PDB file of N, CA and C in Angstrom:
ATOM      1  N   MET A   1     -38.512  13.087 110.973  1.00  0.00           N
ATOM      2  CA  MET A   1     -37.441  11.837 110.432  1.00  0.00           C
ATOM      3  C   MET A   1     -36.166  12.595 109.325  1.00  0.00           C
ATOM      4  N   GLY A   2     -34.944  12.178 110.510  1.00  0.00           N
ATOM      5  CA  GLY A   2     -34.314  13.022 109.904  1.00  0.00           C
ATOM      6  C   GLY A   2     -33.398  12.350 108.511  1.00  0.00           C
ATOM      7  N   TRP A   3     -32.565  13.125 108.208  1.00  0.00           N
ATOM      8  CA  TRP A   3     -32.349  12.162 106.785  1.00  0.00           C
ATOM      9  C   TRP A   3     -31.147  10.844 106.955  1.00  0.00           C
ATOM     10  N   TYR A   4     -30.387  11.128 108.218  1.00  0.00           N
ATOM     11  CA  TYR A   4     -29.748   9.562 108.979  1.00  0.00           C
ATOM     12  C   TYR A   4     -30.730   8.651 108.718  1.00  0.00           C
ATOM     13  N   PHE A   5     -32.147   8.577 108.823  1.00  0.00           N
ATOM     14  CA  PHE A   5     -32.723   7.485 108.465  1.00  0.00           C
ATOM     15  C   PHE A   5     -32.993   6.787 107.251  1.00  0.00           C
ATOM     16  N   TYR A   6     -32.568   7.853 106.212  1.00  0.00           N
ATOM     17  CA  TYR A   6     -32.855   7.122 104.763  1.00  0.00           C
ATOM     18  C   TYR A   6     -31.289   6.646 104.546  1.00  0.00           C
ATOM     19  N   LEU A   7     -30.412   7.371 105.061  1.00  0.00           N
ATOM     20  CA  LEU A   7     -28.769   6.827 104.927  1.00  0.00           C
ATOM     21  C   LEU A   7     -29.019   5.622 105.464  1.00  0.00           C
ATOM     22  N   ILE A   8     -29.577   5.178 106.432  1.00  0.00           N
ATOM     23  CA  ILE A   8     -29.138   4.006 107.306  1.00  0.00           C
ATOM     24  C   ILE A   8     -30.211   3.247 106.768  1.00  0.00           C
ATOM     25  N   GLY A   9     -31.149   3.231 106.271  1.00  0.00           N
ATOM     26  CA  GLY A   9     -32.177   2.600 105.627  1.00  0.00           C
ATOM     27  C   GLY A   9     -31.508   2.072 104.210  1.00  0.00           C
ATOM     28  N   ALA A  10     -30.932   2.835 103.233  1.00  0.00           N
ATOM     29  CA  ALA A  10     -29.872   2.596 102.028  1.00  0.00           C
ATOM     30  C   ALA A  10     -29.143   1.825 102.163  1.00  0.00           C
ATOM     31  N   LEU A  11     -28.538   1.771 103.209  1.00  0.00           N
ATOM     32  CA  LEU A  11     -27.188   1.173 103.928  1.00  0.00           C
ATOM     33  C   LEU A  11     -28.172  -0.155 103.930  1.00  0.00           C
ATOM     34  N   VAL A  12     -28.861  -0.670 104.837  1.00  0.00           N
ATOM     35  CA  VAL A  12     -29.166  -1.582 105.284  1.00  0.00           C
ATOM     36  C   VAL A  12     -29.620  -2.748 104.094  1.00  0.00           C
ATOM     37  N   LEU A  13     -30.814  -1.522 103.185  1.00  0.00           N
ATOM     38  CA  LEU A  13     -30.782  -2.224 101.923  1.00  0.00           C
ATOM     39  C   LEU A  13     -29.858  -2.899 101.186  1.00  0.00           C
ATOM     40  N   VAL A  14     -28.931  -2.145 101.026  1.00  0.00           N
ATOM     41  CA  VAL A  14     -27.917  -2.673 100.347  1.00  0.00           C
ATOM     42  C   VAL A  14     -27.368  -4.323 100.797  1.00  0.00           C
ATOM     43  N   ALA A  15     -27.206  -4.030 102.301  1.00  0.00           N
ATOM     44  CA  ALA A  15     -26.246  -4.923 102.806  1.00  0.00           C
ATOM     45  C   ALA A  15     -27.356  -6.455 102.736  1.00  0.00           C
ATOM     46  N   ALA A  16     -28.900  -5.829 102.947  1.00  0.00           N
ATOM     47  CA  ALA A  16     -29.524  -7.095 102.722  1.00  0.00           C
ATOM     48  C   ALA A  16     -29.230  -7.682 101.083  1.00  0.00           C
ATOM     49  N   ILE A  17     -29.099  -7.065 100.250  1.00  0.00           N
ATOM     50  CA  ILE A  17     -29.258  -7.711  98.920  1.00  0.00           C
ATOM     51  C   ILE A  17     -27.961  -8.304  98.850  1.00  0.00           C
ATOM     52  N   ALA A  18     -26.840  -8.112  99.472  1.00  0.00           N
ATOM     53  CA  ALA A  18     -25.482  -8.124  98.786  1.00  0.00           C
ATOM     54  C   ALA A  18     -25.403  -9.582  99.965  1.00  0.00           C
ATOM     55  N   LEU A  19     -26.042  -9.576 100.673  1.00  0.00           N
ATOM     56  CA  LEU A  19     -26.385 -10.715 101.892  1.00  0.00           C
ATOM     57  C   LEU A  19     -26.855 -12.089 101.098  1.00  0.00           C
ATOM     58  N   ILE A  20     -27.906 -11.652 100.760  1.00  0.00           N
ATOM     59  CA  ILE A  20     -28.953 -12.635 100.014  1.00  0.00           C
ATOM     60  C   ILE A  20     -27.650 -13.238  98.779  1.00  0.00           C
ATOM     61  N   ILE A  21     -27.007 -12.236  97.909  1.00  0.00           N
ATOM     62  CA  ILE A  21     -26.786 -12.292  96.511  1.00  0.00           C
ATOM     63  C   ILE A  21     -25.378 -13.720  97.152  1.00  0.00           C
ATOM     64  N   VAL A  22     -24.597 -13.174  98.204  1.00  0.00           N
ATOM     65  CA  VAL A  22     -23.023 -13.797  98.406  1.00  0.00           C
ATOM     66  C   VAL A  22     -24.141 -15.564  99.308  1.00  0.00           C
ATOM     67  N   VAL A  23     -25.035 -15.627  99.108  1.00  0.00           N
ATOM     68  CA  VAL A  23     -25.132 -16.452  99.922  1.00  0.00           C
ATOM     69  C   VAL A  23     -26.198 -17.823  99.222  1.00  0.00           C
ATOM     70  N   ILE A  24     -26.561 -16.930  98.162  1.00  0.00           N
ATOM     71  CA  ILE A  24     -27.008 -17.690  97.210  1.00  0.00           C
ATOM     72  C   ILE A  24     -25.734 -18.315  96.233  1.00  0.00           C
ATOM     73  N   LEU A  25     -24.982 -17.569  96.572  1.00  0.00           N
ATOM     74  CA  LEU A  25     -23.861 -18.090  95.386  1.00  0.00           C
ATOM     75  C   LEU A  25     -22.584 -19.553  96.347  1.00  0.00           C
ATOM     76  N   GLN A  26     -23.119 -19.406  97.153  1.00  0.00           N
ATOM     77  CA  GLN A  26     -22.366 -20.509  97.914  1.00  0.00           C
ATOM     78  C   GLN A  26     -22.761 -21.663  97.087  1.00  0.00           C
ATOM     79  N   GLU A  27     -21.522 -22.746  97.145  1.00  0.00           N
ATOM     80  CA  GLU A  27     -22.117 -24.268  96.996  1.00  0.00           C
ATOM     81  C   GLU A  27     -22.921 -25.046  98.161  1.00  0.00           C
ATOM     82  N   GLY A  28     -23.528 -25.701  98.093  1.00  0.00           N
ATOM     83  CA  GLY A  28     -23.900 -26.676  98.950  1.00  0.00           C
ATOM     84  C   GLY A  28     -22.788 -27.739  99.589  1.00  0.00           C
ATOM     85  N   ASN A  29     -23.385 -28.231 100.876  1.00  0.00           N
ATOM     86  CA  ASN A  29     -22.038 -28.982 101.378  1.00  0.00           C
ATOM     87  C   ASN A  29     -22.139 -31.039 101.394  1.00  0.00           C
ATOM     88  N   SER A  30     -23.233 -30.726 100.064  1.00  0.00           N
ATOM     89  CA  SER A  30     -23.985 -32.149  99.729  1.00  0.00           C
ATOM     90  C   SER A  30     -22.354 -33.315  99.141  1.00  0.00           C
ATOM     91  N   LYS A  31     -22.283 -33.843  99.876  1.00  0.00           N
ATOM     92  CA  LYS A  31     -20.752 -34.915 100.063  1.00  0.00           C
ATOM     93  C   LYS A  31     -21.902 -36.273  99.197  1.00  0.00           C
ATOM     94  N   GLY A  32     -20.768 -36.311  98.009  1.00  0.00           N
ATOM     95  CA  GLY A  32     -21.068 -37.692  97.118  1.00  0.00           C
ATOM     96  C   GLY A  32     -22.363 -37.390  96.117  1.00  0.00           C
ATOM     97  N   VAL A  33     -22.905 -36.099  95.789  1.00  0.00           N
ATOM     98  CA  VAL A  33     -23.657 -35.901  94.648  1.00  0.00           C
ATOM     99  C   VAL A  33     -23.101 -35.962  93.617  1.00  0.00           C
ATOM    100  N   GLY A  34     -21.841 -35.823  93.266  1.00  0.00           N
ATOM    101  CA  GLY A  34     -21.276 -35.745  92.110  1.00  0.00           C
ATOM    102  C   GLY A  34     -21.241 -36.990  91.768  1.00  0.00           C
ATOM    103  N   VAL A  35     -20.779 -37.998  92.482  1.00  0.00           N
ATOM    104  CA  VAL A  35     -20.698 -39.706  91.927  1.00  0.00           C
ATOM    105  C   VAL A  35     -21.635 -39.741  91.180  1.00  0.00           C
ATOM    106  N   VAL A  36     -22.927 -39.163  92.116  1.00  0.00           N
ATOM    107  CA  VAL A  36     -24.836 -40.008  91.716  1.00  0.00           C
ATOM    108  C   VAL A  36     -25.069 -39.353  90.016  1.00  0.00           C
ATOM    109  N   SER A  37     -24.532 -38.205  89.865  1.00  0.00           N
ATOM    110  CA  SER A  37     -24.898 -37.316  88.885  1.00  0.00           C
ATOM    111  C   SER A  37     -23.649 -37.997  87.622  1.00  0.00           C
ATOM    112  N   GLY A  38     -22.481 -38.404  87.917  1.00  0.00           N
ATOM    113  CA  GLY A  38     -21.470 -38.806  86.583  1.00  0.00           C
ATOM    114  C   GLY A  38     -20.498 -37.863  87.284  1.00  0.00           C
ATOM    115  N   GLY A  39     -20.282 -36.955  87.692  1.00  0.00           N
ATOM    116  CA  GLY A  39     -19.281 -35.675  87.421  1.00  0.00           C
ATOM    117  C   GLY A  39     -18.115 -35.944  88.735  1.00  0.00           C
ATOM    118  N   ALA A  40     -17.319 -36.052  88.158  1.00  0.00           N
ATOM    119  CA  ALA A  40     -16.007 -36.673  89.240  1.00  0.00           C
ATOM    120  C   ALA A  40     -15.422 -35.594  89.500  1.00  0.00           C
ATOM    121  N   ASP A  41     -14.759 -34.456  90.836  1.00  0.00           N
ATOM    122  CA  ASP A  41     -14.012 -33.698  91.399  1.00  0.00           C
ATOM    123  C   ASP A  41     -12.672 -33.911  91.035  1.00  0.00           C
ATOM    124  N   SER A  42     -11.755 -33.219  90.357  1.00  0.00           N
ATOM    125  CA  SER A  42     -10.802 -33.475  90.468  1.00  0.00           C
ATOM    126  C   SER A  42      -9.912 -32.804  91.228  1.00  0.00           C
ATOM    127  N   PHE A  43      -8.911 -32.779  91.480  1.00  0.00           N
ATOM    128  CA  PHE A  43      -8.013 -31.910  92.764  1.00  0.00           C
ATOM    129  C   PHE A  43      -7.976 -30.459  92.606  1.00  0.00           C
ATOM    130  N   PHE A  44      -7.910 -29.953  91.114  1.00  0.00           N
ATOM    131  CA  PHE A  44      -7.613 -28.913  91.013  1.00  0.00           C
ATOM    132  C   PHE A  44      -9.094 -27.800  91.047  1.00  0.00           C
ATOM    133  N   SER A  45     -10.184 -28.701  90.769  1.00  0.00           N
ATOM    134  CA  SER A  45     -11.856 -28.284  90.937  1.00  0.00           C
ATOM    135  C   SER A  45     -12.102 -27.906  92.597  1.00  0.00           C
ATOM    136  N   LYS A  46     -11.610 -29.184  93.251  1.00  0.00           N
ATOM    137  CA  LYS A  46     -11.918 -28.931  94.339  1.00  0.00           C
ATOM    138  C   LYS A  46     -10.908 -27.779  95.531  1.00  0.00           C
ATOM    139  N   ASN A  47      -9.701 -27.631  94.786  1.00  0.00           N
ATOM    140  CA  ASN A  47      -8.829 -26.551  95.599  1.00  0.00           C
ATOM    141  C   ASN A  47      -9.550 -25.270  95.059  1.00  0.00           C
ATOM    142  N   LYS A  48     -10.231 -24.965  93.720  1.00  0.00           N
ATOM    143  CA  LYS A  48     -10.984 -24.132  93.397  1.00  0.00           C
ATOM    144  C   LYS A  48     -11.913 -23.615  93.985  1.00  0.00           C
ATOM    145  N   ALA A  49     -12.991 -24.404  94.314  1.00  0.00           N
ATOM    146  CA  ALA A  49     -14.376 -24.233  94.607  1.00  0.00           C
ATOM    147  C   ALA A  49     -13.430 -24.076  96.686  1.00  0.00           C
ATOM    148  N   ARG A  50     -12.576 -24.499  96.899  1.00  0.00           N
ATOM    149  CA  ARG A  50     -12.650 -24.321  98.391  1.00  0.00           C
ATOM    150  C   ARG A  50     -12.250 -22.715  98.242  1.00  0.00           C
ATOM    151  N   SER A  51     -11.418 -22.232  97.703  1.00  0.00           N
ATOM    152  CA  SER A  51     -10.603 -20.715  97.789  1.00  0.00           C
ATOM    153  C   SER A  51     -11.789 -19.800  97.454  1.00  0.00           C
ATOM    154  N   VAL A  52     -12.676 -20.049  96.078  1.00  0.00           N
ATOM    155  CA  VAL A  52     -14.019 -19.260  96.684  1.00  0.00           C
ATOM    156  C   VAL A  52     -15.083 -19.427  97.499  1.00  0.00           C
ATOM    157  N   ASP A  53     -15.062 -20.803  98.196  1.00  0.00           N
ATOM    158  CA  ASP A  53     -16.444 -20.608  98.609  1.00  0.00           C
ATOM    159  C   ASP A  53     -15.579 -19.922 100.263  1.00  0.00           C
ATOM    160  N   SER A  54     -13.912 -19.981 100.128  1.00  0.00           N
ATOM    161  CA  SER A  54     -14.097 -19.494 101.406  1.00  0.00           C
ATOM    162  C   SER A  54     -13.674 -17.895 101.728  1.00  0.00           C
ATOM    163  N   LEU A  55     -13.890 -16.808 100.030  1.00  0.00           N
ATOM    164  CA  LEU A  55     -14.365 -16.063  99.786  1.00  0.00           C
ATOM    165  C   LEU A  55     -15.490 -15.704 100.059  1.00  0.00           C
ATOM    166  N   LEU A  56     -16.558 -16.513  99.908  1.00  0.00           N
ATOM    167  CA  LEU A  56     -18.047 -16.422  99.705  1.00  0.00           C
ATOM    168  C   LEU A  56     -18.341 -16.323 101.429  1.00  0.00           C
ATOM    169  N   ARG A  57     -17.630 -17.161 102.042  1.00  0.00           N
ATOM    170  CA  ARG A  57     -17.767 -17.517 103.490  1.00  0.00           C
ATOM    171  C   ARG A  57     -17.601 -16.245 104.429  1.00  0.00           C
ATOM    172  N   ARG A  58     -16.207 -15.548 103.885  1.00  0.00           N
ATOM    173  CA  ARG A  58     -15.937 -14.562 104.421  1.00  0.00           C
ATOM    174  C   ARG A  58     -16.611 -13.231 104.179  1.00  0.00           C
ATOM    175  N   PHE A  59     -17.312 -13.438 102.905  1.00  0.00           N
ATOM    176  CA  PHE A  59     -17.857 -12.023 102.464  1.00  0.00           C
ATOM    177  C   PHE A  59     -19.408 -11.879 103.380  1.00  0.00           C
ATOM    178  N   THR A  60     -19.702 -13.162 103.522  1.00  0.00           N
ATOM    179  CA  THR A  60     -20.828 -13.953 104.251  1.00  0.00           C
ATOM    180  C   THR A  60     -21.167 -13.415 106.034  1.00  0.00           C
ATOM    181  N   LYS A  61     -19.765 -13.476 105.932  1.00  0.00           N
ATOM    182  CA  LYS A  61     -20.168 -12.895 107.705  1.00  0.00           C
ATOM    183  C   LYS A  61     -19.613 -11.163 107.795  1.00  0.00           C
ATOM    184  N   PHE A  62     -18.917 -11.029 106.848  1.00  0.00           N
ATOM    185  CA  PHE A  62     -18.862  -9.240 106.823  1.00  0.00           C
ATOM    186  C   PHE A  62     -20.112  -8.307 106.697  1.00  0.00           C
ATOM    187  N   PHE A  63     -21.083  -9.020 105.775  1.00  0.00           N
ATOM    188  CA  PHE A  63     -22.452  -8.621 105.200  1.00  0.00           C
ATOM    189  C   PHE A  63     -23.043  -8.525 106.437  1.00  0.00           C
ATOM    190  N   ALA A  64     -23.129  -9.627 106.998  1.00  0.00           N
ATOM    191  CA  ALA A  64     -24.239 -10.614 108.266  1.00  0.00           C
ATOM    192  C   ALA A  64     -23.602  -9.266 109.260  1.00  0.00           C
ATOM    193  N   ILE A  65     -22.668  -9.169 109.798  1.00  0.00           N
ATOM    194  CA  ILE A  65     -21.510  -8.234 110.767  1.00  0.00           C
ATOM    195  C   ILE A  65     -22.361  -6.873 110.242  1.00  0.00           C
ATOM    196  N   GLY A  66     -22.471  -6.389 109.211  1.00  0.00           N
ATOM    197  CA  GLY A  66     -22.696  -4.695 108.955  1.00  0.00           C
ATOM    198  C   GLY A  66     -24.193  -5.003 108.750  1.00  0.00           C
ATOM    199  N   PHE A  67     -25.165  -6.026 108.899  1.00  0.00           N
ATOM    200  CA  PHE A  67     -26.330  -5.757 108.645  1.00  0.00           C
ATOM    201  C   PHE A  67     -26.804  -5.598 109.952  1.00  0.00           C
ATOM    202  N   PHE A  68     -26.392  -6.474 110.733  1.00  0.00           N
ATOM    203  CA  PHE A  68     -26.630  -6.284 111.917  1.00  0.00           C
ATOM    204  C   PHE A  68     -26.329  -5.262 113.002  1.00  0.00           C
ATOM    205  N   VAL A  69     -25.075  -4.762 112.418  1.00  0.00           N
ATOM    206  CA  VAL A  69     -24.877  -3.244 113.490  1.00  0.00           C
ATOM    207  C   VAL A  69     -25.412  -2.344 112.627  1.00  0.00           C
ATOM    208  N   LEU A  70     -25.716  -2.194 111.374  1.00  0.00           N
ATOM    209  CA  LEU A  70     -27.104  -1.222 110.672  1.00  0.00           C
ATOM    210  C   LEU A  70     -28.570  -0.997 111.439  1.00  0.00           C
ATOM    211  N   VAL A  71     -28.511  -2.798 111.810  1.00  0.00           N
ATOM    212  CA  VAL A  71     -30.422  -2.524 112.238  1.00  0.00           C
ATOM    213  C   VAL A  71     -30.157  -2.208 113.408  1.00  0.00           C
ATOM    214  N   LEU A  72     -29.412  -2.325 114.214  1.00  0.00           N
ATOM    215  CA  LEU A  72     -29.308  -2.005 115.893  1.00  0.00           C
ATOM    216  C   LEU A  72     -29.157  -0.265 116.043  1.00  0.00           C
ATOM    217  N   ALA A  73     -28.150   0.420 114.633  1.00  0.00           N
ATOM    218  CA  ALA A  73     -27.985   1.787 115.044  1.00  0.00           C
ATOM    219  C   ALA A  73     -29.222   2.118 114.383  1.00  0.00           C
ATOM    220  N   ILE A  74     -30.194   1.742 113.486  1.00  0.00           N
ATOM    221  CA  ILE A  74     -31.710   2.248 113.207  1.00  0.00           C
ATOM    222  C   ILE A  74     -32.580   2.074 114.711  1.00  0.00           C
ATOM    223  N   ASN A  75     -32.183   1.191 115.208  1.00  0.00           N
ATOM    224  CA  ASN A  75     -33.232   0.955 116.662  1.00  0.00           C
ATOM    225  C   ASN A  75     -32.773   2.067 117.493  1.00  0.00           C
ATOM    226  N   VAL A  76     -31.393   1.687 117.733  1.00  0.00           N
ATOM    227  CA  VAL A  76     -31.109   2.802 118.958  1.00  0.00           C
ATOM    228  C   VAL A  76     -31.258   4.553 118.583  1.00  0.00           C
ATOM    229  N   ILE A  77     -31.233   4.974 117.251  1.00  0.00           N
ATOM    230  CA  ILE A  77     -31.668   6.235 116.650  1.00  0.00           C
ATOM    231  C   ILE A  77     -33.008   6.522 117.081  1.00  0.00           C
ATOM    232  N   SER A  78     -33.640   5.660 116.732  1.00  0.00           N
ATOM    233  CA  SER A  78     -35.325   5.928 116.107  1.00  0.00           C
ATOM    234  C   SER A  78     -35.771   5.714 118.251  1.00  0.00           C
ATOM    235  N   TYR A  79     -34.797   5.074 119.024  1.00  0.00           N
ATOM    236  CA  TYR A  79     -35.424   5.088 120.265  1.00  0.00           C
ATOM    237  C   TYR A  79     -34.875   6.854 120.875  1.00  0.00           C
ATOM    238  N   PHE A  80     -33.664   6.847 120.500  1.00  0.00           N
ATOM    239  CA  PHE A  80     -33.319   8.545 121.353  1.00  0.00           C
ATOM    240  C   PHE A  80     -34.744   9.603 120.313  1.00  0.00           C
ATOM    241  N   VAL A  81     -34.617   9.018 118.937  1.00  0.00           N
ATOM    242  CA  VAL A  81     -35.841  10.016 118.083  1.00  0.00           C
ATOM    243  C   VAL A  81     -37.005  10.208 119.508  1.00  0.00           C
ATOM    244  N   ALA A  82     -37.456   9.049 119.070  1.00  0.00           N
ATOM    245  CA  ALA A  82     -38.770   8.494 120.317  1.00  0.00           C
ATOM    246  C   ALA A  82     -38.849   9.585 121.542  1.00  0.00           C
ATOM    247  N   THR A  83     -37.666   9.569 122.153  1.00  0.00           N
ATOM    248  CA  THR A  83     -37.888   9.847 123.447  1.00  0.00           C
ATOM    249  C   THR A  83     -37.787  11.660 123.798  1.00  0.00           C
ATOM    250  N   GLY A  84     -36.827  11.774 122.338  1.00  0.00           N
ATOM    251  CA  GLY A  84     -36.647  13.356 122.233  1.00  0.00           C
ATOM    252  C   GLY A  84     -35.259  14.045 122.204  1.00  0.00           C
ATOM    253  N   ALA A  85     -34.475  13.044 122.651  1.00  0.00           N
ATOM    254  CA  ALA A  85     -33.008  13.299 122.660  1.00  0.00           C
ATOM    255  C   ALA A  85     -32.203  14.146 121.523  1.00  0.00           C
ATOM    256  N   ILE A  86     -32.965  13.252 120.146  1.00  0.00           N
ATOM    257  CA  ILE A  86     -32.404  13.659 118.812  1.00  0.00           C
ATOM    258  C   ILE A  86     -33.791  14.266 118.125  1.00  0.00           C
ATOM    259  N   LYS A  87     -33.423  15.484 117.687  1.00  0.00           N
ATOM    260  CA  LYS A  87     -34.760  15.657 116.674  1.00  0.00           C
ATOM    261  C   LYS A  87     -34.501  16.128 115.275  1.00  0.00           C
TER     262      LYS A  87
END
């Protein structure tokens, strides 16, 4: 097992934790719940939530693609190590 497994494994771990945090920080899409709980949204709070939410959505896409690429890289490298092409 080479050093590259440890490096990519650490990157996968960081990407997974970052992806979990970004998804947890996002707000739900429940419409009308503020009316039931008594909280009325103003125009400014809606725009602020949209800008932060759009930033979190972008980060979610970035971390998900990075996570996918890293896991794919680990599988490809382990295949080549198993067949003996990389030592």
